Amino acid sequence: MSEVVFAELVLWRVPQPVSGSTHPFKYRLAYVVNGTCVVRYDNETGKGDHRHFNARERSYIFETPEKLIADFQADIARWNRENRHS
């Protein structure tokens, strides 16, 4: 069985912060393995900045776009380490 894995990163500057956030960015970063999103960072309107790792959702403290991407990449590496034998 072949494994389908990809990451999607969408980040844009908005004129005003989205509801629940204090910075001028809207984003969604997703890591998908075999059709399941296993890591996601986003700031959905009203929910503010948060991250999903497997099925767990936690708040996320946004600092800069560069740190956001670095944290996302670190979580991808962690997920791959923890699931390499799955």
PDB file of N, CA and C in Angstrom:
ATOM      1  N   MET A   1       0.856  -1.184   0.000  1.00  0.00           N
ATOM      2  CA  MET A   1       0.000   0.000   0.000  1.00  0.00           C
ATOM      3  C   MET A   1       0.896   1.239   0.000  1.00  0.00           C
ATOM      4  N   SER A   2       0.633   2.172  -0.881  1.00  0.00           N
ATOM      5  CA  SER A   2       1.446   3.388  -0.919  1.00  0.00           C
ATOM      6  C   SER A   2       0.883   4.421   0.050  1.00  0.00           C
ATOM      7  N   GLU A   3       1.780   5.206   0.580  1.00  0.00           N
ATOM      8  CA  GLU A   3       1.409   6.234   1.537  1.00  0.00           C
ATOM      9  C   GLU A   3       1.363   7.583   0.823  1.00  0.00           C
ATOM     10  N   VAL A   4       0.313   8.338   1.030  1.00  0.00           N
ATOM     11  CA  VAL A   4       0.190   9.676   0.458  1.00  0.00           C
ATOM     12  C   VAL A   4       0.343  10.687   1.586  1.00  0.00           C
ATOM     13  N   VAL A   5       1.375  11.515   1.474  1.00  0.00           N
ATOM     14  CA  VAL A   5       1.694  12.480   2.526  1.00  0.00           C
ATOM     15  C   VAL A   5       1.956  13.835   1.881  1.00  0.00           C
ATOM     16  N   PHE A   6       1.353  14.885   2.437  1.00  0.00           N
ATOM     17  CA  PHE A   6       1.657  16.228   1.937  1.00  0.00           C
ATOM     18  C   PHE A   6       1.392  17.261   3.024  1.00  0.00           C
ATOM     19  N   ALA A   7       2.028  18.418   2.849  1.00  0.00           N
ATOM     20  CA  ALA A   7       1.800  19.557   3.733  1.00  0.00           C
ATOM     21  C   ALA A   7       1.260  20.701   2.889  1.00  0.00           C
ATOM     22  N   GLU A   8       0.332  21.452   3.454  1.00  0.00           N
ATOM     23  CA  GLU A   8      -0.204  22.643   2.797  1.00  0.00           C
ATOM     24  C   GLU A   8      -0.018  23.800   3.764  1.00  0.00           C
ATOM     25  N   LEU A   9       0.592  24.877   3.274  1.00  0.00           N
ATOM     26  CA  LEU A   9       0.810  26.064   4.095  1.00  0.00           C
ATOM     27  C   LEU A   9       0.176  27.253   3.397  1.00  0.00           C
ATOM     28  N   VAL A  10      -0.762  27.903   4.075  1.00  0.00           N
ATOM     29  CA  VAL A  10      -1.419  29.095   3.556  1.00  0.00           C
ATOM     30  C   VAL A  10      -1.324  30.163   4.635  1.00  0.00           C
ATOM     31  N   LEU A  11      -0.728  31.301   4.277  1.00  0.00           N
ATOM     32  CA  LEU A  11      -0.534  32.385   5.237  1.00  0.00           C
ATOM     33  C   LEU A  11      -0.677  33.697   4.492  1.00  0.00           C
ATOM     34  N   TRP A  12      -1.559  34.551   4.937  1.00  0.00           N
ATOM     35  CA  TRP A  12      -1.695  35.841   4.287  1.00  0.00           C
ATOM     36  C   TRP A  12      -1.905  36.941   5.310  1.00  0.00           C
ATOM     37  N   ARG A  13      -1.512  38.141   4.922  1.00  0.00           N
ATOM     38  CA  ARG A  13      -1.698  39.324   5.770  1.00  0.00           C
ATOM     39  C   ARG A  13      -3.103  39.863   5.519  1.00  0.00           C
ATOM     40  N   VAL A  14      -3.790  40.205   6.595  1.00  0.00           N
ATOM     41  CA  VAL A  14      -5.143  40.753   6.497  1.00  0.00           C
ATOM     42  C   VAL A  14      -5.138  42.181   7.048  1.00  0.00           C
ATOM     43  N   PRO A  15      -6.071  43.016   6.592  1.00  0.00           N
ATOM     44  CA  PRO A  15      -6.072  44.416   7.036  1.00  0.00           C
ATOM     45  C   PRO A  15      -6.308  44.580   8.541  1.00  0.00           C
ATOM     46  N   GLN A  16      -7.073  43.660   9.126  1.00  0.00           N
ATOM     47  CA  GLN A  16      -7.340  43.691  10.568  1.00  0.00           C
ATOM     48  C   GLN A  16      -7.266  42.264  11.094  1.00  0.00           C
ATOM     49  N   PRO A  17      -6.867  42.083  12.352  1.00  0.00           N
ATOM     50  CA  PRO A  17      -6.817  40.730  12.908  1.00  0.00           C
ATOM     51  C   PRO A  17      -8.171  40.031  12.810  1.00  0.00           C
ATOM     52  N   VAL A  18      -8.138  38.719  12.554  1.00  0.00           N
ATOM     53  CA  VAL A  18      -9.380  37.953  12.567  1.00  0.00           C
ATOM     54  C   VAL A  18      -9.853  37.844  14.017  1.00  0.00           C
ATOM     55  N   SER A  19     -11.135  37.677  14.214  1.00  0.00           N
ATOM     56  CA  SER A  19     -11.707  37.570  15.554  1.00  0.00           C
ATOM     57  C   SER A  19     -11.002  36.464  16.336  1.00  0.00           C
ATOM     58  N   GLY A  20     -10.500  36.811  17.516  1.00  0.00           N
ATOM     59  CA  GLY A  20      -9.801  35.849  18.353  1.00  0.00           C
ATOM     60  C   GLY A  20      -8.291  35.939  18.260  1.00  0.00           C
ATOM     61  N   SER A  21      -7.762  36.700  17.300  1.00  0.00           N
ATOM     62  CA  SER A  21      -6.315  36.873  17.137  1.00  0.00           C
ATOM     63  C   SER A  21      -5.959  38.346  17.302  1.00  0.00           C
ATOM     64  N   THR A  22      -4.679  38.628  17.582  1.00  0.00           N
ATOM     65  CA  THR A  22      -4.242  40.010  17.785  1.00  0.00           C
ATOM     66  C   THR A  22      -3.228  40.466  16.750  1.00  0.00           C
ATOM     67  N   HIS A  23      -2.927  39.630  15.774  1.00  0.00           N
ATOM     68  CA  HIS A  23      -1.914  39.928  14.760  1.00  0.00           C
ATOM     69  C   HIS A  23      -2.571  40.020  13.378  1.00  0.00           C
ATOM     70  N   PRO A  24      -1.881  40.602  12.404  1.00  0.00           N
ATOM     71  CA  PRO A  24      -2.491  40.818  11.082  1.00  0.00           C
ATOM     72  C   PRO A  24      -2.311  39.651  10.099  1.00  0.00           C
ATOM     73  N   PHE A  25      -2.372  38.413  10.605  1.00  0.00           N
ATOM     74  CA  PHE A  25      -2.204  37.258   9.728  1.00  0.00           C
ATOM     75  C   PHE A  25      -3.360  36.284   9.876  1.00  0.00           C
ATOM     76  N   LYS A  26      -3.732  35.684   8.771  1.00  0.00           N
ATOM     77  CA  LYS A  26      -4.694  34.572   8.734  1.00  0.00           C
ATOM     78  C   LYS A  26      -3.916  33.403   8.180  1.00  0.00           C
ATOM     79  N   TYR A  27      -4.062  32.222   8.774  1.00  0.00           N
ATOM     80  CA  TYR A  27      -3.256  31.093   8.322  1.00  0.00           C
ATOM     81  C   TYR A  27      -3.953  29.763   8.549  1.00  0.00           C
ATOM     82  N   ARG A  28      -3.510  28.789   7.763  1.00  0.00           N
ATOM     83  CA  ARG A  28      -3.845  27.393   8.000  1.00  0.00           C
ATOM     84  C   ARG A  28      -2.686  26.569   7.447  1.00  0.00           C
ATOM     85  N   LEU A  29      -2.134  25.747   8.281  1.00  0.00           N
ATOM     86  CA  LEU A  29      -1.034  24.869   7.910  1.00  0.00           C
ATOM     87  C   LEU A  29      -1.490  23.459   8.253  1.00  0.00           C
ATOM     88  N   ALA A  30      -1.416  22.564   7.295  1.00  0.00           N
ATOM     89  CA  ALA A  30      -1.918  21.211   7.518  1.00  0.00           C
ATOM     90  C   ALA A  30      -0.919  20.175   7.020  1.00  0.00           C
ATOM     91  N   TYR A  31      -0.786  19.098   7.769  1.00  0.00           N
ATOM     92  CA  TYR A  31       0.031  17.948   7.385  1.00  0.00           C
ATOM     93  C   TYR A  31      -0.920  16.767   7.309  1.00  0.00           C
ATOM     94  N   VAL A  32      -1.023  16.178   6.125  1.00  0.00           N
ATOM     95  CA  VAL A  32      -2.001  15.132   5.860  1.00  0.00           C
ATOM     96  C   VAL A  32      -1.281  13.833   5.520  1.00  0.00           C
ATOM     97  N   VAL A  33      -1.695  12.758   6.172  1.00  0.00           N
ATOM     98  CA  VAL A  33      -1.127  11.432   5.935  1.00  0.00           C
ATOM     99  C   VAL A  33      -2.270  10.475   5.621  1.00  0.00           C
ATOM    100  N   ASN A  34      -2.219   9.886   4.441  1.00  0.00           N
ATOM    101  CA  ASN A  34      -3.254   8.933   4.014  1.00  0.00           C
ATOM    102  C   ASN A  34      -4.669   9.480   4.193  1.00  0.00           C
ATOM    103  N   GLY A  35      -4.864  10.736   3.822  1.00  0.00           N
ATOM    104  CA  GLY A  35      -6.191  11.341   3.853  1.00  0.00           C
ATOM    105  C   GLY A  35      -6.622  11.878   5.210  1.00  0.00           C
ATOM    106  N   THR A  36      -5.772  11.767   6.226  1.00  0.00           N
ATOM    107  CA  THR A  36      -6.111  12.258   7.564  1.00  0.00           C
ATOM    108  C   THR A  36      -5.185  13.401   7.938  1.00  0.00           C
ATOM    109  N   CYS A  37      -5.772  14.513   8.356  1.00  0.00           N
ATOM    110  CA  CYS A  37      -4.972  15.648   8.819  1.00  0.00           C
ATOM    111  C   CYS A  37      -4.492  15.324  10.230  1.00  0.00           C
ATOM    112  N   VAL A  38      -3.170  15.148  10.374  1.00  0.00           N
ATOM    113  CA  VAL A  38      -2.609  14.737  11.664  1.00  0.00           C
ATOM    114  C   VAL A  38      -1.976  15.893  12.433  1.00  0.00           C
ATOM    115  N   VAL A  39      -1.612  16.972  11.720  1.00  0.00           N
ATOM    116  CA  VAL A  39      -1.082  18.186  12.357  1.00  0.00           C
ATOM    117  C   VAL A  39      -1.711  19.377  11.642  1.00  0.00           C
ATOM    118  N   ARG A  40      -2.245  20.319  12.403  1.00  0.00           N
ATOM    119  CA  ARG A  40      -2.817  21.520  11.781  1.00  0.00           C
ATOM    120  C   ARG A  40      -2.660  22.705  12.720  1.00  0.00           C
ATOM    121  N   TYR A  41      -2.285  23.820  12.149  1.00  0.00           N
ATOM    122  CA  TYR A  41      -2.241  25.100  12.860  1.00  0.00           C
ATOM    123  C   TYR A  41      -3.185  26.025  12.111  1.00  0.00           C
ATOM    124  N   ASP A  42      -4.047  26.737  12.837  1.00  0.00           N
ATOM    125  CA  ASP A  42      -4.913  27.705  12.171  1.00  0.00           C
ATOM    126  C   ASP A  42      -5.443  28.712  13.175  1.00  0.00           C
ATOM    127  N   ASN A  43      -6.023  29.775  12.631  1.00  0.00           N
ATOM    128  CA  ASN A  43      -6.665  30.774  13.481  1.00  0.00           C
ATOM    129  C   ASN A  43      -8.045  31.081  12.917  1.00  0.00           C
ATOM    130  N   GLU A  44      -8.845  30.066  12.957  1.00  0.00           N
ATOM    131  CA  GLU A  44     -10.228  30.146  12.512  1.00  0.00           C
ATOM    132  C   GLU A  44     -10.933  31.311  13.216  1.00  0.00           C
ATOM    133  N   THR A  45     -11.730  32.049  12.471  1.00  0.00           N
ATOM    134  CA  THR A  45     -12.447  33.194  13.025  1.00  0.00           C
ATOM    135  C   THR A  45     -13.229  32.781  14.270  1.00  0.00           C
ATOM    136  N   GLY A  46     -13.010  33.511  15.343  1.00  0.00           N
ATOM    137  CA  GLY A  46     -13.707  33.248  16.596  1.00  0.00           C
ATOM    138  C   GLY A  46     -12.969  32.309  17.530  1.00  0.00           C
ATOM    139  N   LYS A  47     -12.131  31.430  16.994  1.00  0.00           N
ATOM    140  CA  LYS A  47     -11.395  30.482  17.842  1.00  0.00           C
ATOM    141  C   LYS A  47     -10.009  30.991  18.193  1.00  0.00           C
ATOM    142  N   GLY A  48      -9.466  31.874  17.385  1.00  0.00           N
ATOM    143  CA  GLY A  48      -8.122  32.374  17.634  1.00  0.00           C
ATOM    144  C   GLY A  48      -7.061  31.364  17.240  1.00  0.00           C
ATOM    145  N   ASP A  49      -5.841  31.637  17.643  1.00  0.00           N
ATOM    146  CA  ASP A  49      -4.700  30.802  17.272  1.00  0.00           C
ATOM    147  C   ASP A  49      -4.738  29.477  18.036  1.00  0.00           C
ATOM    148  N   HIS A  50      -4.636  28.370  17.299  1.00  0.00           N
ATOM    149  CA  HIS A  50      -4.609  27.065  17.934  1.00  0.00           C
ATOM    150  C   HIS A  50      -3.949  26.043  17.012  1.00  0.00           C
ATOM    151  N   ARG A  51      -3.627  24.895  17.587  1.00  0.00           N
ATOM    152  CA  ARG A  51      -2.996  23.818  16.835  1.00  0.00           C
ATOM    153  C   ARG A  51      -3.673  22.502  17.168  1.00  0.00           C
ATOM    154  N   HIS A  52      -3.628  21.604  16.199  1.00  0.00           N
ATOM    155  CA  HIS A  52      -4.155  20.259  16.373  1.00  0.00           C
ATOM    156  C   HIS A  52      -2.988  19.299  16.176  1.00  0.00           C
ATOM    157  N   PHE A  53      -2.836  18.354  17.071  1.00  0.00           N
ATOM    158  CA  PHE A  53      -1.823  17.307  16.928  1.00  0.00           C
ATOM    159  C   PHE A  53      -2.570  16.011  17.165  1.00  0.00           C
ATOM    160  N   ASN A  54      -2.675  15.190  16.102  1.00  0.00           N
ATOM    161  CA  ASN A  54      -3.575  14.042  16.115  1.00  0.00           C
ATOM    162  C   ASN A  54      -4.974  14.581  16.394  1.00  0.00           C
ATOM    163  N   ALA A  55      -5.656  14.090  17.376  1.00  0.00           N
ATOM    164  CA  ALA A  55      -7.027  14.534  17.642  1.00  0.00           C
ATOM    165  C   ALA A  55      -7.106  15.577  18.751  1.00  0.00           C
ATOM    166  N   ARG A  56      -5.959  16.042  19.249  1.00  0.00           N
ATOM    167  CA  ARG A  56      -5.967  16.992  20.366  1.00  0.00           C
ATOM    168  C   ARG A  56      -5.798  18.421  19.868  1.00  0.00           C
ATOM    169  N   GLU A  57      -6.641  19.308  20.367  1.00  0.00           N
ATOM    170  CA  GLU A  57      -6.567  20.729  20.015  1.00  0.00           C
ATOM    171  C   GLU A  57      -6.103  21.519  21.233  1.00  0.00           C
ATOM    172  N   ARG A  58      -5.140  22.427  20.995  1.00  0.00           N
ATOM    173  CA  ARG A  58      -4.631  23.288  22.062  1.00  0.00           C
ATOM    174  C   ARG A  58      -4.433  24.692  21.526  1.00  0.00           C
ATOM    175  N   SER A  59      -4.460  25.665  22.418  1.00  0.00           N
ATOM    176  CA  SER A  59      -4.202  27.033  21.983  1.00  0.00           C
ATOM    177  C   SER A  59      -2.742  27.156  21.551  1.00  0.00           C
ATOM    178  N   TYR A  60      -2.477  28.139  20.713  1.00  0.00           N
ATOM    179  CA  TYR A  60      -1.135  28.372  20.200  1.00  0.00           C
ATOM    180  C   TYR A  60      -0.830  29.852  20.341  1.00  0.00           C
ATOM    181  N   ILE A  61       0.370  30.178  20.788  1.00  0.00           N
ATOM    182  CA  ILE A  61       0.777  31.578  20.917  1.00  0.00           C
ATOM    183  C   ILE A  61       1.540  31.973  19.660  1.00  0.00           C
ATOM    184  N   PHE A  62       0.901  32.767  18.818  1.00  0.00           N
ATOM    185  CA  PHE A  62       1.515  33.227  17.576  1.00  0.00           C
ATOM    186  C   PHE A  62       2.504  34.343  17.900  1.00  0.00           C
ATOM    187  N   GLU A  63       3.732  34.209  17.370  1.00  0.00           N
ATOM    188  CA  GLU A  63       4.737  35.252  17.552  1.00  0.00           C
ATOM    189  C   GLU A  63       5.103  35.899  16.221  1.00  0.00           C
ATOM    190  N   THR A  64       5.558  35.087  15.268  1.00  0.00           N
ATOM    191  CA  THR A  64       5.914  35.576  13.931  1.00  0.00           C
ATOM    192  C   THR A  64       5.582  34.497  12.913  1.00  0.00           C
ATOM    193  N   PRO A  65       5.445  34.862  11.643  1.00  0.00           N
ATOM    194  CA  PRO A  65       5.233  33.831  10.620  1.00  0.00           C
ATOM    195  C   PRO A  65       6.376  32.812  10.587  1.00  0.00           C
ATOM    196  N   GLU A  66       7.604  33.267  10.774  1.00  0.00           N
ATOM    197  CA  GLU A  66       8.752  32.357  10.744  1.00  0.00           C
ATOM    198  C   GLU A  66       8.683  31.328  11.880  1.00  0.00           C
ATOM    199  N   LYS A  67       8.311  31.781  13.077  1.00  0.00           N
ATOM    200  CA  LYS A  67       8.197  30.856  14.209  1.00  0.00           C
ATOM    201  C   LYS A  67       7.031  29.898  14.005  1.00  0.00           C
ATOM    202  N   LEU A  68       5.932  30.381  13.444  1.00  0.00           N
ATOM    203  CA  LEU A  68       4.788  29.528  13.128  1.00  0.00           C
ATOM    204  C   LEU A  68       5.225  28.367  12.236  1.00  0.00           C
ATOM    205  N   ILE A  69       5.942  28.677  11.165  1.00  0.00           N
ATOM    206  CA  ILE A  69       6.390  27.644  10.229  1.00  0.00           C
ATOM    207  C   ILE A  69       7.383  26.699  10.904  1.00  0.00           C
ATOM    208  N   ALA A  70       8.290  27.238  11.711  1.00  0.00           N
ATOM    209  CA  ALA A  70       9.257  26.394  12.421  1.00  0.00           C
ATOM    210  C   ALA A  70       8.551  25.447  13.395  1.00  0.00           C
ATOM    211  N   ASP A  71       7.564  25.950  14.129  1.00  0.00           N
ATOM    212  CA  ASP A  71       6.815  25.114  15.073  1.00  0.00           C
ATOM    213  C   ASP A  71       6.045  24.022  14.327  1.00  0.00           C
ATOM    214  N   PHE A  72       5.446  24.383  13.200  1.00  0.00           N
ATOM    215  CA  PHE A  72       4.717  23.423  12.370  1.00  0.00           C
ATOM    216  C   PHE A  72       5.660  22.325  11.888  1.00  0.00           C
ATOM    217  N   GLN A  73       6.820  22.712  11.381  1.00  0.00           N
ATOM    218  CA  GLN A  73       7.795  21.727  10.908  1.00  0.00           C
ATOM    219  C   GLN A  73       8.277  20.830  12.051  1.00  0.00           C
ATOM    220  N   ALA A  74       8.455  21.395  13.227  1.00  0.00           N
ATOM    221  CA  ALA A  74       8.872  20.589  14.387  1.00  0.00           C
ATOM    222  C   ALA A  74       7.794  19.574  14.746  1.00  0.00           C
ATOM    223  N   ASP A  75       6.517  19.973  14.670  1.00  0.00           N
ATOM    224  CA  ASP A  75       5.432  19.032  14.964  1.00  0.00           C
ATOM    225  C   ASP A  75       5.340  17.939  13.897  1.00  0.00           C
ATOM    226  N   ILE A  76       5.610  18.274  12.642  1.00  0.00           N
ATOM    227  CA  ILE A  76       5.634  17.250  11.591  1.00  0.00           C
ATOM    228  C   ILE A  76       6.730  16.228  11.906  1.00  0.00           C
ATOM    229  N   ALA A  77       7.908  16.711  12.247  1.00  0.00           N
ATOM    230  CA  ALA A  77       9.022  15.811  12.582  1.00  0.00           C
ATOM    231  C   ALA A  77       8.656  14.944  13.788  1.00  0.00           C
ATOM    232  N   ARG A  78       8.038  15.546  14.797  1.00  0.00           N
ATOM    233  CA  ARG A  78       7.622  14.789  15.986  1.00  0.00           C
ATOM    234  C   ARG A  78       6.601  13.726  15.607  1.00  0.00           C
ATOM    235  N   TRP A  79       5.590  14.096  14.807  1.00  0.00           N
ATOM    236  CA  TRP A  79       4.565  13.135  14.409  1.00  0.00           C
ATOM    237  C   TRP A  79       5.209  11.967  13.644  1.00  0.00           C
ATOM    238  N   ASN A  80       6.111  12.285  12.746  1.00  0.00           N
ATOM    239  CA  ASN A  80       6.786  11.229  11.972  1.00  0.00           C
ATOM    240  C   ASN A  80       7.600  10.298  12.876  1.00  0.00           C
ATOM    241  N   ARG A  81       8.304  10.877  13.858  1.00  0.00           N
ATOM    242  CA  ARG A  81       9.077  10.057  14.811  1.00  0.00           C
ATOM    243  C   ARG A  81       8.155   9.129  15.603  1.00  0.00           C
ATOM    244  N   GLU A  82       7.069   9.699  16.106  1.00  0.00           N
ATOM    245  CA  GLU A  82       6.166   8.930  16.965  1.00  0.00           C
ATOM    246  C   GLU A  82       5.355   7.894  16.194  1.00  0.00           C
ATOM    247  N   ASN A  83       5.251   8.037  14.894  1.00  0.00           N
ATOM    248  CA  ASN A  83       4.409   7.144  14.089  1.00  0.00           C
ATOM    249  C   ASN A  83       5.168   6.387  13.019  1.00  0.00           C
ATOM    250  N   ARG A  84       6.471   6.306  13.136  1.00  0.00           N
ATOM    251  CA  ARG A  84       7.272   5.671  12.084  1.00  0.00           C
ATOM    252  C   ARG A  84       7.019   4.177  11.953  1.00  0.00           C
ATOM    253  N   HIS A  85       6.477   3.535  12.973  1.00  0.00           N
ATOM    254  CA  HIS A  85       6.221   2.099  12.910  1.00  0.00           C
ATOM    255  C   HIS A  85       4.740   1.782  12.736  1.00  0.00           C
ATOM    256  N   SER A  86       3.936   2.802  12.491  1.00  0.00           N
ATOM    257  CA  SER A  86       2.492   2.590  12.352  1.00  0.00           C
ATOM    258  C   SER A  86       2.154   2.048  10.986  1.00  0.00           C
TER     259      SER A  86
END
